[in-house]
C-alpha atoms as a PDB file:
ATOM      1  CA  MET A   1     -70.591  67.689  25.778  1.00  0.00           C
ATOM      2  CA  SER A   2     -70.967  69.562  29.074  1.00  0.00           C
ATOM      3  CA  LYS A   3     -73.330  72.472  29.464  1.00  0.00           C
ATOM      4  CA  LEU A   4     -71.917  75.926  28.725  1.00  0.00           C
ATOM      5  CA  GLU A   5     -71.270  78.246  31.637  1.00  0.00           C
ATOM      6  CA  GLN A   6     -73.341  81.423  31.755  1.00  0.00           C
ATOM      7  CA  ILE A   7     -71.524  84.122  29.786  1.00  0.00           C
ATOM      8  CA  LEU A   8     -73.514  87.040  31.212  1.00  0.00           C
ATOM      9  CA  VAL A   9     -72.758  88.666  34.565  1.00  0.00           C
ATOM     10  CA  LEU A  10     -75.947  89.054  36.630  1.00  0.00           C
ATOM     11  CA  ASP A  11     -76.486  91.662  39.334  1.00  0.00           C
ATOM     12  CA  PRO A  12     -77.878  90.437  41.679  1.00  0.00           C
ATOM     13  CA  SER A  13     -76.483  86.996  41.011  1.00  0.00           C
ATOM     14  CA  SER A  14     -78.652  84.769  43.211  1.00  0.00           C
ATOM     15  CA  ASP A  15     -81.693  86.510  44.789  1.00  0.00           C
ATOM     16  CA  LEU A  16     -84.308  88.935  43.537  1.00  0.00           C
ATOM     17  CA  ARG A  17     -85.427  90.842  46.630  1.00  0.00           C
ATOM     18  CA  PHE A  18     -88.819  92.555  46.845  1.00  0.00           C
ATOM     19  CA  LYS A  19     -89.434  94.890  49.754  1.00  0.00           C
ATOM     20  CA  GLY A  20     -93.021  95.292  51.012  1.00  0.00           C
ATOM     21  CA  PRO A  21     -95.635  96.283  51.859  1.00  0.00           C
ATOM     22  CA  PHE A  22     -97.086  94.428  48.910  1.00  0.00           C
ATOM     23  CA  THR A  23    -100.282  96.448  48.540  1.00  0.00           C
ATOM     24  CA  ASP A  24     -98.923  98.028  45.362  1.00  0.00           C
ATOM     25  CA  VAL A  25     -96.583  97.050  42.548  1.00  0.00           C
ATOM     26  CA  VAL A  26     -93.062  96.404  43.890  1.00  0.00           C
ATOM     27  CA  THR A  27     -90.185  96.678  41.425  1.00  0.00           C
ATOM     28  CA  THR A  28     -86.643  95.359  41.569  1.00  0.00           C
ATOM     29  CA  ASN A  29     -83.964  95.647  38.906  1.00  0.00           C
ATOM     30  CA  LEU A  30     -81.806  92.949  37.366  1.00  0.00           C
ATOM     31  CA  LYS A  31     -78.697  93.964  35.418  1.00  0.00           C
ATOM     32  CA  LEU A  32     -77.275  91.765  32.675  1.00  0.00           C
ATOM     33  CA  LYS A  33     -73.741  92.549  31.508  1.00  0.00           C
ATOM     34  CA  ASN A  34     -72.129  90.988  28.449  1.00  0.00           C
ATOM     35  CA  PRO A  35     -68.334  90.894  29.020  1.00  0.00           C
ATOM     36  CA  SER A  36     -67.692  88.889  25.831  1.00  0.00           C
ATOM     37  CA  ASP A  37     -66.848  90.102  22.327  1.00  0.00           C
ATOM     38  CA  ARG A  38     -69.978  88.498  20.850  1.00  0.00           C
ATOM     39  CA  ARG A  39     -73.645  89.441  20.862  1.00  0.00           C
ATOM     40  CA  VAL A  40     -75.747  87.428  23.300  1.00  0.00           C
ATOM     41  CA  CYS A  41     -79.492  86.730  23.173  1.00  0.00           C
ATOM     42  CA  PHE A  42     -81.348  86.474  26.483  1.00  0.00           C
ATOM     43  CA  LYS A  43     -84.761  85.401  27.693  1.00  0.00           C
ATOM     44  CA  VAL A  44     -86.216  85.755  31.208  1.00  0.00           C
ATOM     45  CA  LYS A  45     -88.561  83.043  32.509  1.00  0.00           C
ATOM     46  CA  THR A  46     -90.394  82.622  35.819  1.00  0.00           C
ATOM     47  CA  THR A  47     -92.319  79.910  37.629  1.00  0.00           C
ATOM     48  CA  ALA A  48     -95.126  82.416  38.393  1.00  0.00           C
ATOM     49  CA  PRO A  49     -95.807  84.346  35.161  1.00  0.00           C
ATOM     50  CA  ARG A  50     -99.131  85.738  36.416  1.00  0.00           C
ATOM     51  CA  ARG A  51     -97.495  87.325  39.445  1.00  0.00           C
ATOM     52  CA  TYR A  52     -94.747  89.244  37.655  1.00  0.00           C
ATOM     53  CA  CYS A  53     -94.313  91.665  34.801  1.00  0.00           C
ATOM     54  CA  VAL A  54     -90.844  91.741  33.231  1.00  0.00           C
ATOM     55  CA  ARG A  55     -89.606  94.517  30.910  1.00  0.00           C
ATOM     56  CA  PRO A  56     -87.827  93.661  28.702  1.00  0.00           C
ATOM     57  CA  ASN A  57     -88.280  89.917  28.998  1.00  0.00           C
ATOM     58  CA  SER A  58     -86.022  89.109  26.011  1.00  0.00           C
ATOM     59  CA  GLY A  59     -83.573  90.737  23.641  1.00  0.00           C
ATOM     60  CA  ILE A  60     -79.988  90.952  22.444  1.00  0.00           C
ATOM     61  CA  ILE A  61     -77.047  92.405  24.376  1.00  0.00           C
ATOM     62  CA  ASP A  62     -74.170  93.739  22.319  1.00  0.00           C
ATOM     63  CA  ALA A  63     -70.589  92.943  23.206  1.00  0.00           C
ATOM     64  CA  GLY A  64     -69.524  94.833  26.339  1.00  0.00           C
ATOM     65  CA  ALA A  65     -73.026  96.261  26.861  1.00  0.00           C
ATOM     66  CA  THR A  66     -75.353  96.127  29.890  1.00  0.00           C
ATOM     67  CA  VAL A  67     -79.119  95.816  30.004  1.00  0.00           C
ATOM     68  CA  THR A  68     -81.301  96.663  33.024  1.00  0.00           C
ATOM     69  CA  ILE A  69     -84.439  94.582  33.424  1.00  0.00           C
ATOM     70  CA  SER A  70     -87.363  95.728  35.592  1.00  0.00           C
ATOM     71  CA  VAL A  71     -89.109  92.897  37.418  1.00  0.00           C
ATOM     72  CA  MET A  72     -92.484  94.065  38.778  1.00  0.00           C
ATOM     73  CA  LEU A  73     -94.274  92.049  41.436  1.00  0.00           C
ATOM     74  CA  GLN A  74     -98.043  92.506  41.341  1.00  0.00           C
ATOM     75  CA  PRO A  75     -99.956  93.346  44.583  1.00  0.00           C
ATOM     76  CA  PHE A  76    -100.983  90.386  46.747  1.00  0.00           C
ATOM     77  CA  ASP A  77    -101.863  89.419  50.333  1.00  0.00           C
ATOM     78  CA  TYR A  78     -98.517  88.687  51.922  1.00  0.00           C
ATOM     79  CA  ASP A  79     -98.226  85.945  54.533  1.00  0.00           C
ATOM     80  CA  PRO A  80     -94.896  86.144  56.468  1.00  0.00           C
ATOM     81  CA  ASN A  81     -95.207  82.461  57.382  1.00  0.00           C
ATOM     82  CA  GLU A  82     -95.350  81.395  53.764  1.00  0.00           C
ATOM     83  CA  LYS A  83     -92.005  80.907  52.082  1.00  0.00           C
ATOM     84  CA  SER A  84     -91.659  82.105  48.522  1.00  0.00           C
ATOM     85  CA  LYS A  85     -91.148  79.359  45.987  1.00  0.00           C
ATOM     86  CA  HIS A  86     -91.020  81.705  43.011  1.00  0.00           C
ATOM     87  CA  LYS A  87     -87.951  81.449  40.823  1.00  0.00           C
ATOM     88  CA  PHE A  88     -86.536  83.164  37.758  1.00  0.00           C
ATOM     89  CA  MET A  89     -84.244  81.851  35.072  1.00  0.00           C
ATOM     90  CA  VAL A  90     -82.158  83.931  32.679  1.00  0.00           C
ATOM     91  CA  GLN A  91     -81.531  81.826  29.582  1.00  0.00           C
ATOM     92  CA  THR A  92     -78.920  82.931  27.059  1.00  0.00           C
ATOM     93  CA  ILE A  93     -77.355  81.899  23.786  1.00  0.00           C
ATOM     94  CA  PHE A  94     -74.806  83.473  21.484  1.00  0.00           C
ATOM     95  CA  ALA A  95     -76.603  85.366  18.736  1.00  0.00           C
ATOM     96  CA  PRO A  96     -76.137  83.790  15.279  1.00  0.00           C
ATOM     97  CA  THR A  97     -74.721  86.056  12.613  1.00  0.00           C
ATOM     98  CA  ASN A  98     -77.020  84.877   9.830  1.00  0.00           C
ATOM     99  CA  SER A  99     -80.423  84.901  11.564  1.00  0.00           C
ATOM    100  CA  SER A 100     -82.780  87.705  12.548  1.00  0.00           C
ATOM    101  CA  ASP A 101     -85.750  85.558  13.595  1.00  0.00           C
ATOM    102  CA  MET A 102     -85.415  85.244  17.366  1.00  0.00           C
ATOM    103  CA  ASP A 103     -88.375  82.876  17.758  1.00  0.00           C
ATOM    104  CA  SER A 104     -86.915  80.392  15.288  1.00  0.00           C
ATOM    105  CA  MET A 105     -83.485  80.727  16.856  1.00  0.00           C
ATOM    106  CA  TRP A 106     -84.769  79.788  20.324  1.00  0.00           C
ATOM    107  CA  LYS A 107     -86.912  77.011  18.899  1.00  0.00           C
ATOM    108  CA  ASP A 108     -84.058  75.478  16.942  1.00  0.00           C
ATOM    109  CA  ALA A 109     -81.387  76.059  19.600  1.00  0.00           C
ATOM    110  CA  LYS A 110     -79.519  72.982  20.772  1.00  0.00           C
ATOM    111  CA  THR A 111     -79.521  72.196  24.462  1.00  0.00           C
ATOM    112  CA  ASP A 112     -75.737  72.207  24.561  1.00  0.00           C
ATOM    113  CA  ASP A 113     -75.704  75.786  23.219  1.00  0.00           C
ATOM    114  CA  LEU A 114     -77.973  77.166  25.948  1.00  0.00           C
ATOM    115  CA  MET A 115     -76.680  78.892  29.068  1.00  0.00           C
ATOM    116  CA  ASP A 116     -78.815  79.740  32.081  1.00  0.00           C
ATOM    117  CA  SER A 117     -78.763  81.268  35.554  1.00  0.00           C
ATOM    118  CA  LYS A 118     -81.412  80.753  38.232  1.00  0.00           C
ATOM    119  CA  LEU A 119     -82.532  83.266  40.843  1.00  0.00           C
ATOM    120  CA  ARG A 120     -84.959  82.843  43.704  1.00  0.00           C
ATOM    121  CA  CYS A 121     -87.403  85.492  44.910  1.00  0.00           C
ATOM    122  CA  VAL A 122     -87.141  86.846  48.454  1.00  0.00           C
ATOM    123  CA  PHE A 123     -89.914  88.920  50.057  1.00  0.00           C
ATOM    124  CA  GLU A 124     -89.010  91.372  52.815  1.00  0.00           C
ATOM    125  CA  LEU A 125     -91.178  93.538  55.035  1.00  0.00           C
ATOM    126  CA  PRO A 126     -89.792  96.976  56.008  1.00  0.00           C
ATOM    127  CA  SER A 127     -88.345  97.266  59.514  1.00  0.00           C
ATOM    128  CA  GLU A 128     -89.649  99.762  62.064  1.00  0.00           C
ATOM    129  CA  ASN A 129     -86.707 102.110  61.342  1.00  0.00           C
ATOM    130  CA  ASP A 130     -87.506 102.030  57.635  1.00  0.00           C
ATOM    131  CA  LYS A 131     -91.135 102.923  58.383  1.00  0.00           C
ATOM    132  CA  VAL A 132     -90.028 105.953  60.438  1.00  0.00           C
ATOM    133  CA  ASN A 133     -87.681 107.071  57.655  1.00  0.00           C
ATOM    134  CA  ASP A 134     -90.454 106.694  55.090  1.00  0.00           C
ATOM    135  CA  VAL A 135     -92.706 108.968  57.167  1.00  0.00           C
ATOM    136  CA  ASP A 136     -90.010 111.614  57.653  1.00  0.00           C
ATOM    137  CA  ALA A 137     -88.757 111.536  54.064  1.00  0.00           C
ATOM    138  CA  PRO A 138     -89.972 114.201  51.610  1.00  0.00           C
ATOM    139  CA  VAL A 139     -92.814 113.155  49.365  1.00  0.00           C
ATOM    140  CA  VAL A 140     -90.711 113.672  46.265  1.00  0.00           C
ATOM    141  CA  ASN A 141     -88.293 110.939  47.418  1.00  0.00           C
ATOM    142  CA  SER A 142     -91.080 108.405  47.930  1.00  0.00           C
ATOM    143  CA  ALA A 143     -92.284 108.779  44.366  1.00  0.00           C
ATOM    144  CA  LYS A 144     -89.160 108.044  42.382  1.00  0.00           C
ATOM    145  CA  ALA A 145     -89.871 106.910  38.861  1.00  0.00           C
ATOM    146  CA  GLU A 146     -88.485 103.572  37.762  1.00  0.00           C
ATOM    147  CA  GLY A 147     -88.796 104.402  34.072  1.00  0.00           C
ATOM    148  CA  PRO A 148     -91.771 104.953  31.771  1.00  0.00           C
ATOM    149  CA  LEU A 149     -93.146 101.401  32.008  1.00  0.00           C
ATOM    150  CA  VAL A 150     -92.821 101.145  35.778  1.00  0.00           C
ATOM    151  CA  ALA A 151     -94.259 104.598  36.334  1.00  0.00           C
ATOM    152  CA  ALA A 152     -97.330 103.670  34.272  1.00  0.00           C
ATOM    153  CA  ALA A 153     -97.864 100.578  36.429  1.00  0.00           C
ATOM    154  CA  THR A 154     -97.314 102.228  39.792  1.00  0.00           C
ATOM    155  CA  ALA A 155     -98.687 105.734  39.193  1.00  0.00           C
ATOM    156  CA  LYS A 156    -101.032 106.991  41.956  1.00  0.00           C
ATOM    157  CA  PRO A 157    -103.374 109.986  41.994  1.00  0.00           C
ATOM    158  CA  VAL A 158    -101.759 112.950  43.699  1.00  0.00           C
ATOM    159  CA  SER A 159    -103.526 115.740  45.573  1.00  0.00           C
ATOM    160  CA  ALA A 160    -104.318 118.881  43.658  1.00  0.00           C
ATOM    161  CA  SER A 161    -101.463 121.380  43.745  1.00  0.00           C
ATOM    162  CA  LEU A 162    -100.682 124.710  42.195  1.00  0.00           C
ATOM    163  CA  ASP A 163     -98.454 124.929  39.176  1.00  0.00           C
ATOM    164  CA  ASP A 164     -95.873 127.682  38.717  1.00  0.00           C
ATOM    165  CA  THR A 165     -98.176 129.895  36.638  1.00  0.00           C
ATOM    166  CA  GLU A 166    -101.001 129.852  39.192  1.00  0.00           C
ATOM    167  CA  MET A 167     -98.542 130.473  42.009  1.00  0.00           C
ATOM    168  CA  LYS A 168     -97.104 133.518  40.268  1.00  0.00           C
ATOM    169  CA  LYS A 169    -100.602 134.888  39.647  1.00  0.00           C
ATOM    170  CA  LEU A 170    -101.530 134.457  43.315  1.00  0.00           C
ATOM    171  CA  LEU A 171     -98.334 136.134  44.496  1.00  0.00           C
ATOM    172  CA  GLU A 172     -98.897 139.044  42.117  1.00  0.00           C
ATOM    173  CA  GLU A 173    -102.495 139.370  43.341  1.00  0.00           C
ATOM    174  CA  CYS A 174    -101.314 139.401  46.957  1.00  0.00           C
ATOM    175  CA  LYS A 175     -98.758 142.110  46.174  1.00  0.00           C
ATOM    176  CA  ARG A 176    -101.436 144.144  44.366  1.00  0.00           C
ATOM    177  CA  LEU A 177    -103.805 143.898  47.339  1.00  0.00           C
ATOM    178  CA  GLN A 178    -101.033 144.877  49.737  1.00  0.00           C
ATOM    179  CA  SER A 179    -100.190 147.875  47.555  1.00  0.00           C
ATOM    180  CA  GLU A 180    -103.835 148.989  47.429  1.00  0.00           C
ATOM    181  CA  MET A 181    -104.145 148.549  51.175  1.00  0.00           C
ATOM    182  CA  GLY A 182    -101.093 150.731  51.663  1.00  0.00           C
ATOM    183  CA  LYS A 183    -102.536 153.472  49.430  1.00  0.00           C
ATOM    184  CA  LEU A 184    -105.905 153.341  51.187  1.00  0.00           C
ATOM    185  CA  ALA A 185    -104.198 153.521  54.576  1.00  0.00           C
ATOM    186  CA  GLU A 186    -102.284 156.604  53.406  1.00  0.00           C
ATOM    187  CA  ASP A 187    -105.511 158.212  52.122  1.00  0.00           C
ATOM    188  CA  ASN A 188    -107.171 157.382  55.419  1.00  0.00           C
ATOM    189  CA  ARG A 189    -104.416 159.115  57.379  1.00  0.00           C
ATOM    190  CA  GLN A 190    -104.650 162.125  55.084  1.00  0.00           C
ATOM    191  CA  LEU A 191    -108.416 162.374  55.583  1.00  0.00           C
ATOM    192  CA  LYS A 192    -107.995 162.106  59.346  1.00  0.00           C
ATOM    193  CA  ASP A 193    -105.468 164.955  59.274  1.00  0.00           C
ATOM    194  CA  ASP A 194    -107.900 167.056  57.171  1.00  0.00           C
ATOM    195  CA  GLY A 195    -110.706 166.305  59.634  1.00  0.00           C
ATOM    196  CA  ILE A 196    -108.571 167.367  62.591  1.00  0.00           C
ATOM    197  CA  ARG A 197    -107.638 170.636  60.886  1.00  0.00           C
ATOM    198  CA  MET A 198    -111.263 171.346  60.042  1.00  0.00           C
ATOM    199  CA  ARG A 199    -112.336 170.758  63.631  1.00  0.00           C
ATOM    200  CA  LYS A 200    -109.801 173.362  64.794  1.00  0.00           C
ATOM    201  CA  ALA A 201    -110.917 175.943  62.161  1.00  0.00           C
ATOM    202  CA  PRO A 202    -113.779 178.523  62.895  1.00  0.00           C
ATOM    203  CA  ARG A 203    -117.175 176.853  62.686  1.00  0.00           C
ATOM    204  CA  SER A 204    -119.586 177.917  59.917  1.00  0.00           C
ATOM    205  CA  ASP A 205    -122.422 176.309  58.059  1.00  0.00           C
ATOM    206  CA  HIS A 206    -120.283 175.819  55.014  1.00  0.00           C
ATOM    207  CA  MET A 207    -117.388 174.374  57.004  1.00  0.00           C
ATOM    208  CA  THR A 208    -119.746 172.166  59.015  1.00  0.00           C
ATOM    209  CA  SER A 209    -121.165 170.763  55.801  1.00  0.00           C
ATOM    210  CA  ASN A 210    -117.695 170.097  54.400  1.00  0.00           C
ATOM    211  CA  ALA A 211    -116.568 168.556  57.688  1.00  0.00           C
ATOM    212  CA  THR A 212    -119.568 166.251  57.691  1.00  0.00           C
ATOM    213  CA  THR A 213    -118.774 165.229  54.129  1.00  0.00           C
ATOM    214  CA  PHE A 214    -115.116 164.603  54.980  1.00  0.00           C
ATOM    215  CA  LEU A 215    -116.017 162.644  58.096  1.00  0.00           C
ATOM    216  CA  GLY A 216    -118.444 160.513  56.094  1.00  0.00           C
ATOM    217  CA  ARG A 217    -115.720 159.810  53.535  1.00  0.00           C
ATOM    218  CA  GLU A 218    -113.284 159.113  56.370  1.00  0.00           C
ATOM    219  CA  THR A 219    -115.605 156.558  57.949  1.00  0.00           C
ATOM    220  CA  SER A 220    -116.339 154.906  54.608  1.00  0.00           C
ATOM    221  CA  THR A 221    -112.685 154.849  53.603  1.00  0.00           C
ATOM    222  CA  ALA A 222    -111.593 153.560  57.014  1.00  0.00           C
ATOM    223  CA  SER A 223    -113.795 150.520  56.568  1.00  0.00           C
ATOM    224  CA  LEU A 224    -112.234 149.630  53.186  1.00  0.00           C
ATOM    225  CA  PRO A 225    -108.809 148.514  54.524  1.00  0.00           C
ATOM    226  CA  SER A 226    -110.533 146.285  57.073  1.00  0.00           C
ATOM    227  CA  LEU A 227    -112.632 144.699  54.341  1.00  0.00           C
ATOM    228  CA  LEU A 228    -109.587 144.236  52.119  1.00  0.00           C
ATOM    229  CA  VAL A 229    -107.659 142.700  55.037  1.00  0.00           C
ATOM    230  CA  VAL A 230    -110.425 140.114  55.474  1.00  0.00           C
ATOM    231  CA  ILE A 231    -110.507 139.390  51.723  1.00  0.00           C
ATOM    232  CA  ALA A 232    -106.695 139.148  51.563  1.00  0.00           C
ATOM    233  CA  ALA A 233    -106.633 136.835  54.587  1.00  0.00           C
ATOM    234  CA  ILE A 234    -109.181 134.506  52.980  1.00  0.00           C
ATOM    235  CA  PHE A 235    -107.309 134.627  49.668  1.00  0.00           C
ATOM    236  CA  ILE A 236    -103.905 133.920  51.261  1.00  0.00           C
ATOM    237  CA  GLY A 237    -105.393 131.182  53.458  1.00  0.00           C
ATOM    238  CA  PHE A 238    -106.870 129.497  50.383  1.00  0.00           C
ATOM    239  CA  PHE A 239    -103.514 129.799  48.555  1.00  0.00           C
ATOM    240  CA  LEU A 240    -101.536 128.341  51.479  1.00  0.00           C
ATOM    241  CA  GLY A 241    -104.043 125.528  51.910  1.00  0.00           C
ATOM    242  CA  LYS A 242    -103.814 124.566  48.250  1.00  0.00           C
ATOM    243  CA  PHE A 243    -100.019 124.801  48.263  1.00  0.00           C
ATOM    244  CA  ILE A 244     -99.552 122.677  51.380  1.00  0.00           C
ATOM    245  CA  LEU A 245    -101.966 119.974  50.218  1.00  0.00           C
END
C-alpha cells in the first residue's frame, strides 16, 4: 500500500525562513490548515531539537480549522558561509474516534497511516535597506509581540518611561507653577505701580518708611518669579528627559 498524501495544507509549504541578526530569538510562523471533514493529529519534529523551540509541537486540528505554530530559533553565531542543514517534518494521522491517549496512538500507528511534510530551514541576513528602515521605524513597531510564549522568550528590558498617571501629575504641576508665576508677576507689577505713585507723592518720614517697606517687598517679590522660572525649567527638563528616554 502506498504512503498517504499529506492531508494538511502547510503555509509555508517548503521553507522555514529565519531573518537575522541571530543575536536574539528569531521566530517564524507555520500555519497548518485541515481542509478535510475529519480531525487530524499532528506532530512537529526537527533535526536540531536543541536549536529550536516549537509551540505547540503537537495537537489535534478539527475539521476545517487552522493552527498557527511558532518556531523559535535560539541565538547563535551565524556564519554566512555555512549552509543550514536543519530540517523540520510535520507528521500527521487521522485522529481515531475511540482513543484519547495521543502517546499510545502515535506509538501504535501503522506506517501506512502516517502522512508527513518536510521543510528546510533558510537563514537570511537583513539587507542594507532593511537596516535603514529598522532605524527609522518607530520603536513600537520593532517590538511586536508574537503571542504570550514568544514574548516571554524574546522580552527585553526597556528604558524607564512615565506612565499616564505620572504624566498627568507632571502636567498639572507645570500648570500650577505657571499659574502661580502669573499671579506673582501681576503682584509684582502692582507693587511697582504703588512704588511709582509713592515716589511722586510728598515726602515724609512716614511715607519714606512705607516706601522703603514697599520697595523691600518689591525686590523680594521680584526675585520669586525668577526662582520659580529656574525651578520650573529644571522640572520640565527632567520631565521631557524622562519622557523622551
